[in-house]
């Protein structure tokens, strides 16, 4: 279980990858990663913008999503699971979250 931004406890239905494993993955990659800056956008805009960007990307491409919306912690993993995309890594960096999403085939 982990805490919800509004103080409630929620089940960790979508496990977060080990930080070292997720970011070590980036060091081995030779492909370019597109970045989507969704900082300052509130729910559901970060997920909607990610969905739109992923549609324009090739299958297997990686998107780095930057979001500071507290609900993104729940919304992004849920979106990836529902759409079939792989959530490669999820991390916090200077007041915002960073998500790495591999587009489904």
Foldseek 3Di string as FASTA:
>chain_A
DDAAPVGHDDDCPDDFDDPVQLVVVVVPDPDDEAEDEPEPPEPPVQLVVVVVVLVPDDAFHKYKYKYQYSCCVPVVSVSCVVQVWDFRHWDDDDRIIITIIGHHD
